[in-house]
Amino acid sequence: MTPANEIFFDFVCPYAWRGLELAQVLRKAGEQEFKLRHFSLAQSNHEDNAGKDKPVWWLTDQPLAEAAPSDQKLPEKDEAKKRHMAFVQSSLLTFLAAEAAARQGEEASWDFSLAVFRAHHEDNKPLNEATIMEAAQTAGLNLEQFAADREDEQGLRARLRSELTEAAEIGVFGTPTFILPGGEAAYFRFENLTRDLETARQWWKLYGEVLNADAGIATIKRAKNRPAKKA
């Protein structure tokens, strides 16, 4: 069996969604193996972690829910904080659900993750409980087992914490970040989506060529007034 690549992703990221779709095409064709790994952009970009060698603010330390907000209008600063916490909580909720889905096997993990991505980025649905349950049904999960596994919040948080710790040690900063079997790693930002096998082959080959080129290419970033060509 071909050694597995790893792909670090965050459900909020459209580029990660496109990267996962590409990886799914290649793995379904039996050409590449990919291992799903979680990475939190909310944690990576948090102001308390700016300039730190290691995170001090962890997504896994945050509450899943707070008391229902009142109708009282809050000062602008507090409103911004409330919106940020809502984002953090929805992100954590989805990650923990994905960890629970993964307990039903690798294919269940892929099916659930892609169902969430498609609901959020294709159908514009929020990352909330309704979307999670819809994704679980779409993925064909055993819903009783899924519910039972989600009750093990401590265990799910521990598993997520382990992945976020490893991502920090590797130096992941954006999604999707692919880790090749040899240890090479890079963020690969996809502006376009493909579910076509030949296109996926070409894009994956391009990634490997850039990553391993003797030129030591570290960054390619388009000028803001020269957008990527649409597929």
C-alpha atoms as a PDB file:
ATOM      1  CA  MET A   1       0.000   0.000   0.000  1.00  0.00           C
ATOM      2  CA  THR A   2       1.195   3.507  -0.827  1.00  0.00           C
ATOM      3  CA  PRO A   3       2.292   5.397   2.323  1.00  0.00           C
ATOM      4  CA  ALA A   4      -0.340   7.873   3.472  1.00  0.00           C
ATOM      5  CA  ASN A   5      -0.131  11.610   3.032  1.00  0.00           C
ATOM      6  CA  GLU A   6      -1.715  13.726   5.748  1.00  0.00           C
ATOM      7  CA  ILE A   7      -4.030  16.676   5.252  1.00  0.00           C
ATOM      8  CA  PHE A   8      -4.624  19.230   8.008  1.00  0.00           C
ATOM      9  CA  PHE A   9      -7.903  21.101   7.568  1.00  0.00           C
ATOM     10  CA  ASP A  10     -10.492  23.318   9.215  1.00  0.00           C
ATOM     11  CA  PHE A  11     -14.169  23.069   8.307  1.00  0.00           C
ATOM     12  CA  VAL A  12     -14.515  26.859   8.096  1.00  0.00           C
ATOM     13  CA  CYS A  13     -11.980  27.073   5.251  1.00  0.00           C
ATOM     14  CA  PRO A  14     -13.142  26.853   1.598  1.00  0.00           C
ATOM     15  CA  TYR A  15      -9.590  26.131   0.445  1.00  0.00           C
ATOM     16  CA  ALA A  16      -9.436  23.145   2.785  1.00  0.00           C
ATOM     17  CA  TRP A  17     -12.751  21.924   1.371  1.00  0.00           C
ATOM     18  CA  ARG A  18     -11.332  22.000  -2.166  1.00  0.00           C
ATOM     19  CA  GLY A  19      -8.187  20.258  -0.985  1.00  0.00           C
ATOM     20  CA  LEU A  20     -10.218  17.508   0.643  1.00  0.00           C
ATOM     21  CA  GLU A  21     -12.298  17.039  -2.500  1.00  0.00           C
ATOM     22  CA  LEU A  22      -9.111  16.647  -4.555  1.00  0.00           C
ATOM     23  CA  ALA A  23      -7.698  14.162  -2.053  1.00  0.00           C
ATOM     24  CA  GLN A  24     -10.943  12.175  -2.117  1.00  0.00           C
ATOM     25  CA  VAL A  25     -10.773  11.845  -5.912  1.00  0.00           C
ATOM     26  CA  LEU A  26      -7.225  10.459  -5.724  1.00  0.00           C
ATOM     27  CA  ARG A  27      -7.924   8.089  -2.851  1.00  0.00           C
ATOM     28  CA  LYS A  28     -11.102   6.744  -4.456  1.00  0.00           C
ATOM     29  CA  ALA A  29      -9.060   5.984  -7.590  1.00  0.00           C
ATOM     30  CA  GLY A  30      -6.571   4.091  -5.420  1.00  0.00           C
ATOM     31  CA  GLU A  31      -3.727   6.419  -6.417  1.00  0.00           C
ATOM     32  CA  GLN A  32      -2.973   8.117  -3.092  1.00  0.00           C
ATOM     33  CA  GLU A  33      -3.713   7.577   0.576  1.00  0.00           C
ATOM     34  CA  PHE A  34      -4.561  10.529   2.811  1.00  0.00           C
ATOM     35  CA  LYS A  35      -5.030  10.726   6.556  1.00  0.00           C
ATOM     36  CA  LEU A  36      -7.429  13.357   7.857  1.00  0.00           C
ATOM     37  CA  ARG A  37      -6.027  15.727  10.488  1.00  0.00           C
ATOM     38  CA  HIS A  38      -7.664  18.667  12.236  1.00  0.00           C
ATOM     39  CA  PHE A  39      -6.237  22.180  12.529  1.00  0.00           C
ATOM     40  CA  SER A  40      -7.956  25.197  14.070  1.00  0.00           C
ATOM     41  CA  LEU A  41      -7.679  28.546  12.319  1.00  0.00           C
ATOM     42  CA  ALA A  42      -9.464  30.167  15.274  1.00  0.00           C
ATOM     43  CA  GLN A  43      -6.645  28.970  17.521  1.00  0.00           C
ATOM     44  CA  SER A  44      -3.860  29.742  15.080  1.00  0.00           C
ATOM     45  CA  ASN A  45      -5.072  33.309  14.521  1.00  0.00           C
ATOM     46  CA  HIS A  46      -6.010  34.096  18.101  1.00  0.00           C
ATOM     47  CA  GLU A  47      -4.392  37.275  19.391  1.00  0.00           C
ATOM     48  CA  ASP A  48      -3.124  35.546  22.544  1.00  0.00           C
ATOM     49  CA  ASN A  49      -1.027  33.205  20.373  1.00  0.00           C
ATOM     50  CA  ALA A  50       0.552  35.938  18.248  1.00  0.00           C
ATOM     51  CA  GLY A  51       4.338  35.734  18.379  1.00  0.00           C
ATOM     52  CA  LYS A  52       4.297  32.680  20.646  1.00  0.00           C
ATOM     53  CA  ASP A  53       6.402  29.583  19.954  1.00  0.00           C
ATOM     54  CA  LYS A  54       3.607  27.444  21.386  1.00  0.00           C
ATOM     55  CA  PRO A  55      -0.125  28.162  21.710  1.00  0.00           C
ATOM     56  CA  VAL A  56      -1.351  29.560  25.008  1.00  0.00           C
ATOM     57  CA  TRP A  57      -4.988  29.847  23.848  1.00  0.00           C
ATOM     58  CA  TRP A  58      -6.408  26.450  22.912  1.00  0.00           C
ATOM     59  CA  LEU A  59      -9.672  25.751  21.139  1.00  0.00           C
ATOM     60  CA  THR A  60     -10.062  22.643  23.284  1.00  0.00           C
ATOM     61  CA  ASP A  61     -10.134  24.765  26.457  1.00  0.00           C
ATOM     62  CA  GLN A  62     -13.168  26.728  25.288  1.00  0.00           C
ATOM     63  CA  PRO A  63     -16.796  26.075  26.274  1.00  0.00           C
ATOM     64  CA  LEU A  64     -19.158  24.433  23.817  1.00  0.00           C
ATOM     65  CA  ALA A  65     -22.045  26.681  24.763  1.00  0.00           C
ATOM     66  CA  GLU A  66     -22.835  29.634  26.958  1.00  0.00           C
ATOM     67  CA  ALA A  67     -26.033  30.846  28.538  1.00  0.00           C
ATOM     68  CA  ALA A  68     -28.561  32.116  26.000  1.00  0.00           C
ATOM     69  CA  PRO A  69     -27.853  35.799  25.240  1.00  0.00           C
ATOM     70  CA  SER A  70     -30.350  38.421  26.325  1.00  0.00           C
ATOM     71  CA  ASP A  71     -32.034  40.809  23.888  1.00  0.00           C
ATOM     72  CA  GLN A  72     -30.202  43.709  25.473  1.00  0.00           C
ATOM     73  CA  LYS A  73     -27.987  45.539  22.986  1.00  0.00           C
ATOM     74  CA  LEU A  74     -24.335  45.243  23.932  1.00  0.00           C
ATOM     75  CA  PRO A  75     -21.502  47.721  23.369  1.00  0.00           C
ATOM     76  CA  GLU A  76     -19.739  47.196  20.019  1.00  0.00           C
ATOM     77  CA  LYS A  77     -16.701  45.601  21.694  1.00  0.00           C
ATOM     78  CA  ASP A  78     -18.898  43.089  23.524  1.00  0.00           C
ATOM     79  CA  GLU A  79     -20.888  42.348  20.364  1.00  0.00           C
ATOM     80  CA  ALA A  80     -17.641  41.538  18.568  1.00  0.00           C
ATOM     81  CA  LYS A  81     -16.617  39.275  21.431  1.00  0.00           C
ATOM     82  CA  LYS A  82     -19.991  37.512  21.295  1.00  0.00           C
ATOM     83  CA  ARG A  83     -19.638  36.932  17.545  1.00  0.00           C
ATOM     84  CA  HIS A  84     -16.115  35.593  18.050  1.00  0.00           C
ATOM     85  CA  MET A  85     -17.263  33.174  20.743  1.00  0.00           C
ATOM     86  CA  ALA A  86     -20.116  31.978  18.531  1.00  0.00           C
ATOM     87  CA  PHE A  87     -17.549  31.252  15.810  1.00  0.00           C
ATOM     88  CA  VAL A  88     -15.271  29.443  18.274  1.00  0.00           C
ATOM     89  CA  GLN A  89     -18.135  27.347  19.638  1.00  0.00           C
ATOM     90  CA  SER A  90     -19.427  26.316  16.216  1.00  0.00           C
ATOM     91  CA  SER A  91     -15.898  25.382  15.160  1.00  0.00           C
ATOM     92  CA  LEU A  92     -15.322  23.315  18.297  1.00  0.00           C
ATOM     93  CA  LEU A  93     -18.742  21.664  17.980  1.00  0.00           C
ATOM     94  CA  THR A  94     -17.931  20.537  14.441  1.00  0.00           C
ATOM     95  CA  PHE A  95     -14.447  19.282  15.256  1.00  0.00           C
ATOM     96  CA  LEU A  96     -15.733  17.209  18.175  1.00  0.00           C
ATOM     97  CA  ALA A  97     -18.503  15.755  16.004  1.00  0.00           C
ATOM     98  CA  ALA A  98     -15.879  14.835  13.386  1.00  0.00           C
ATOM     99  CA  GLU A  99     -13.781  13.107  16.051  1.00  0.00           C
ATOM    100  CA  ALA A 100     -16.876  11.131  17.057  1.00  0.00           C
ATOM    101  CA  ALA A 101     -17.604  10.197  13.427  1.00  0.00           C
ATOM    102  CA  ALA A 102     -14.014   8.970  13.037  1.00  0.00           C
ATOM    103  CA  ARG A 103     -14.687   6.321  15.678  1.00  0.00           C
ATOM    104  CA  GLN A 104     -16.829   4.564  13.059  1.00  0.00           C
ATOM    105  CA  GLY A 105     -13.860   4.090  10.747  1.00  0.00           C
ATOM    106  CA  GLU A 106     -11.863   5.886   8.094  1.00  0.00           C
ATOM    107  CA  GLU A 107     -14.541   5.862   5.401  1.00  0.00           C
ATOM    108  CA  ALA A 108     -17.119   7.192   7.858  1.00  0.00           C
ATOM    109  CA  SER A 109     -14.693   9.966   8.772  1.00  0.00           C
ATOM    110  CA  TRP A 110     -14.217  10.958   5.129  1.00  0.00           C
ATOM    111  CA  ASP A 111     -17.918  10.752   4.312  1.00  0.00           C
ATOM    112  CA  PHE A 112     -18.892  12.846   7.326  1.00  0.00           C
ATOM    113  CA  SER A 113     -16.176  15.456   6.777  1.00  0.00           C
ATOM    114  CA  LEU A 114     -17.075  15.903   3.120  1.00  0.00           C
ATOM    115  CA  ALA A 115     -20.783  16.066   3.945  1.00  0.00           C
ATOM    116  CA  VAL A 116     -20.107  18.879   6.424  1.00  0.00           C
ATOM    117  CA  PHE A 117     -17.883  20.727   3.959  1.00  0.00           C
ATOM    118  CA  ARG A 118     -20.456  20.475   1.172  1.00  0.00           C
ATOM    119  CA  ALA A 119     -23.318  21.573   3.400  1.00  0.00           C
ATOM    120  CA  HIS A 120     -21.335  24.574   4.636  1.00  0.00           C
ATOM    121  CA  HIS A 121     -19.529  25.714   1.481  1.00  0.00           C
ATOM    122  CA  GLU A 122     -21.858  24.557  -1.311  1.00  0.00           C
ATOM    123  CA  ASP A 123     -25.226  24.915   0.407  1.00  0.00           C
ATOM    124  CA  ASN A 124     -24.249  27.843   2.688  1.00  0.00           C
ATOM    125  CA  LYS A 125     -25.501  26.122   5.834  1.00  0.00           C
ATOM    126  CA  PRO A 126     -24.098  27.161   9.221  1.00  0.00           C
ATOM    127  CA  LEU A 127     -21.852  24.920  11.262  1.00  0.00           C
ATOM    128  CA  ASN A 128     -24.444  24.010  13.845  1.00  0.00           C
ATOM    129  CA  GLU A 129     -26.180  20.976  15.322  1.00  0.00           C
ATOM    130  CA  ALA A 130     -28.710  20.701  12.488  1.00  0.00           C
ATOM    131  CA  THR A 131     -25.961  20.649   9.847  1.00  0.00           C
ATOM    132  CA  ILE A 132     -23.949  18.122  11.840  1.00  0.00           C
ATOM    133  CA  MET A 133     -26.891  15.747  12.117  1.00  0.00           C
ATOM    134  CA  GLU A 134     -27.746  16.159   8.446  1.00  0.00           C
ATOM    135  CA  ALA A 135     -24.126  15.344   7.570  1.00  0.00           C
ATOM    136  CA  ALA A 136     -24.200  12.285   9.841  1.00  0.00           C
ATOM    137  CA  GLN A 137     -27.266  10.987   8.004  1.00  0.00           C
ATOM    138  CA  THR A 138     -25.774  11.769   4.581  1.00  0.00           C
ATOM    139  CA  ALA A 139     -22.608   9.917   5.577  1.00  0.00           C
ATOM    140  CA  GLY A 140     -24.629   6.887   6.670  1.00  0.00           C
ATOM    141  CA  LEU A 141     -23.315   6.925  10.227  1.00  0.00           C
ATOM    142  CA  ASN A 142     -24.775   4.699  12.892  1.00  0.00           C
ATOM    143  CA  LEU A 143     -26.655   7.512  14.611  1.00  0.00           C
ATOM    144  CA  GLU A 144     -27.000   5.742  17.943  1.00  0.00           C
ATOM    145  CA  GLN A 145     -23.260   5.132  18.107  1.00  0.00           C
ATOM    146  CA  PHE A 146     -22.613   8.687  16.939  1.00  0.00           C
ATOM    147  CA  ALA A 147     -24.757  10.082  19.741  1.00  0.00           C
ATOM    148  CA  ALA A 148     -23.086   7.825  22.321  1.00  0.00           C
ATOM    149  CA  ASP A 149     -19.593   8.762  21.145  1.00  0.00           C
ATOM    150  CA  ARG A 150     -20.429  12.449  21.280  1.00  0.00           C
ATOM    151  CA  GLU A 151     -21.259  12.013  24.963  1.00  0.00           C
ATOM    152  CA  ASP A 152     -17.554  11.274  25.537  1.00  0.00           C
ATOM    153  CA  GLU A 153     -16.712  14.946  25.256  1.00  0.00           C
ATOM    154  CA  GLN A 154     -13.578  14.640  27.401  1.00  0.00           C
ATOM    155  CA  GLY A 155     -12.164  11.904  25.195  1.00  0.00           C
ATOM    156  CA  LEU A 156     -13.019  13.797  21.997  1.00  0.00           C
ATOM    157  CA  ARG A 157     -11.403  16.958  23.332  1.00  0.00           C
ATOM    158  CA  ALA A 158      -8.274  14.996  24.235  1.00  0.00           C
ATOM    159  CA  ARG A 159      -8.039  13.539  20.732  1.00  0.00           C
ATOM    160  CA  LEU A 160      -8.530  16.957  19.149  1.00  0.00           C
ATOM    161  CA  ARG A 161      -5.945  18.471  21.515  1.00  0.00           C
ATOM    162  CA  SER A 162      -3.429  15.855  20.391  1.00  0.00           C
ATOM    163  CA  GLU A 163      -3.942  16.793  16.740  1.00  0.00           C
ATOM    164  CA  LEU A 164      -3.705  20.524  17.418  1.00  0.00           C
ATOM    165  CA  THR A 165      -0.521  19.957  19.419  1.00  0.00           C
ATOM    166  CA  GLU A 166       1.079  18.027  16.573  1.00  0.00           C
ATOM    167  CA  ALA A 167       0.022  20.684  14.075  1.00  0.00           C
ATOM    168  CA  ALA A 168       1.709  23.331  16.240  1.00  0.00           C
ATOM    169  CA  GLU A 169       4.884  21.244  16.437  1.00  0.00           C
ATOM    170  CA  ILE A 170       4.961  20.863  12.645  1.00  0.00           C
ATOM    171  CA  GLY A 171       4.317  24.573  12.184  1.00  0.00           C
ATOM    172  CA  VAL A 172       1.012  24.339  10.312  1.00  0.00           C
ATOM    173  CA  PHE A 173      -0.421  27.830   9.799  1.00  0.00           C
ATOM    174  CA  GLY A 174      -3.090  27.458   7.106  1.00  0.00           C
ATOM    175  CA  THR A 175      -5.398  24.922   5.518  1.00  0.00           C
ATOM    176  CA  PRO A 176      -5.117  22.697   3.680  1.00  0.00           C
ATOM    177  CA  THR A 177      -1.581  21.736   4.675  1.00  0.00           C
ATOM    178  CA  PHE A 178      -0.398  18.443   3.206  1.00  0.00           C
ATOM    179  CA  ILE A 179       2.306  16.325   4.850  1.00  0.00           C
ATOM    180  CA  LEU A 180       3.987  13.911   2.458  1.00  0.00           C
ATOM    181  CA  PRO A 181       5.253  10.474   3.587  1.00  0.00           C
ATOM    182  CA  GLY A 182       8.824  11.794   3.556  1.00  0.00           C
ATOM    183  CA  GLY A 183       7.927  14.580   5.985  1.00  0.00           C
ATOM    184  CA  GLU A 184       7.758  17.450   3.499  1.00  0.00           C
ATOM    185  CA  ALA A 185       4.909  19.817   4.328  1.00  0.00           C
ATOM    186  CA  ALA A 186       3.304  22.864   2.740  1.00  0.00           C
ATOM    187  CA  TYR A 187       0.095  24.857   2.619  1.00  0.00           C
ATOM    188  CA  PHE A 188      -1.604  24.533  -0.796  1.00  0.00           C
ATOM    189  CA  ARG A 189      -4.356  27.098  -1.403  1.00  0.00           C
ATOM    190  CA  PHE A 190      -6.953  25.964  -3.950  1.00  0.00           C
ATOM    191  CA  GLU A 191      -8.993  28.688  -5.640  1.00  0.00           C
ATOM    192  CA  ASN A 192     -10.768  26.128  -7.835  1.00  0.00           C
ATOM    193  CA  LEU A 193     -12.685  22.934  -7.118  1.00  0.00           C
ATOM    194  CA  THR A 194     -12.273  19.697  -9.007  1.00  0.00           C
ATOM    195  CA  ARG A 195     -13.824  16.274  -8.715  1.00  0.00           C
ATOM    196  CA  ASP A 196     -12.265  15.147 -12.003  1.00  0.00           C
ATOM    197  CA  LEU A 197      -9.601  12.459 -11.709  1.00  0.00           C
ATOM    198  CA  GLU A 198      -7.262  13.685 -14.458  1.00  0.00           C
ATOM    199  CA  THR A 199      -7.382  17.252 -13.156  1.00  0.00           C
ATOM    200  CA  ALA A 200      -6.762  16.054  -9.603  1.00  0.00           C
ATOM    201  CA  ARG A 201      -3.734  14.092 -10.831  1.00  0.00           C
ATOM    202  CA  GLN A 202      -2.312  17.164 -12.517  1.00  0.00           C
ATOM    203  CA  TRP A 203      -2.836  19.417  -9.494  1.00  0.00           C
ATOM    204  CA  TRP A 204      -1.345  16.890  -7.100  1.00  0.00           C
ATOM    205  CA  LYS A 205       1.667  16.397  -9.375  1.00  0.00           C
ATOM    206  CA  LEU A 206       2.133  20.161  -9.501  1.00  0.00           C
ATOM    207  CA  TYR A 207       2.091  20.323  -5.712  1.00  0.00           C
ATOM    208  CA  GLY A 208       4.838  17.702  -5.450  1.00  0.00           C
ATOM    209  CA  GLU A 209       6.954  19.372  -8.122  1.00  0.00           C
ATOM    210  CA  VAL A 210       6.789  22.772  -6.427  1.00  0.00           C
ATOM    211  CA  LEU A 211       7.425  21.322  -2.988  1.00  0.00           C
ATOM    212  CA  ASN A 212      10.463  19.306  -4.079  1.00  0.00           C
ATOM    213  CA  ALA A 213      11.937  21.675  -6.681  1.00  0.00           C
ATOM    214  CA  ASP A 214      15.632  22.460  -6.315  1.00  0.00           C
ATOM    215  CA  ALA A 215      14.667  26.141  -6.373  1.00  0.00           C
ATOM    216  CA  GLY A 216      13.436  25.742  -2.796  1.00  0.00           C
ATOM    217  CA  ILE A 217      10.187  27.599  -3.528  1.00  0.00           C
ATOM    218  CA  ALA A 218       8.707  28.799  -0.242  1.00  0.00           C
ATOM    219  CA  THR A 219       5.940  31.157  -1.357  1.00  0.00           C
ATOM    220  CA  ILE A 220       3.897  31.775  -4.493  1.00  0.00           C
ATOM    221  CA  LYS A 221       1.295  34.490  -4.094  1.00  0.00           C
ATOM    222  CA  ARG A 222      -0.604  36.145  -6.915  1.00  0.00           C
ATOM    223  CA  ALA A 223      -0.753  39.897  -7.290  1.00  0.00           C
ATOM    224  CA  LYS A 224      -4.106  41.112  -5.965  1.00  0.00           C
ATOM    225  CA  ASN A 225      -5.197  42.446  -9.363  1.00  0.00           C
ATOM    226  CA  ARG A 226      -4.262  39.231 -11.191  1.00  0.00           C
ATOM    227  CA  PRO A 227      -6.640  36.577  -9.869  1.00  0.00           C
ATOM    228  CA  ALA A 228      -6.275  32.880 -10.578  1.00  0.00           C
ATOM    229  CA  LYS A 229      -7.768  31.536 -13.790  1.00  0.00           C
ATOM    230  CA  LYS A 230     -11.040  29.780 -13.107  1.00  0.00           C
ATOM    231  CA  ALA A 231     -11.242  26.096 -13.955  1.00  0.00           C
END
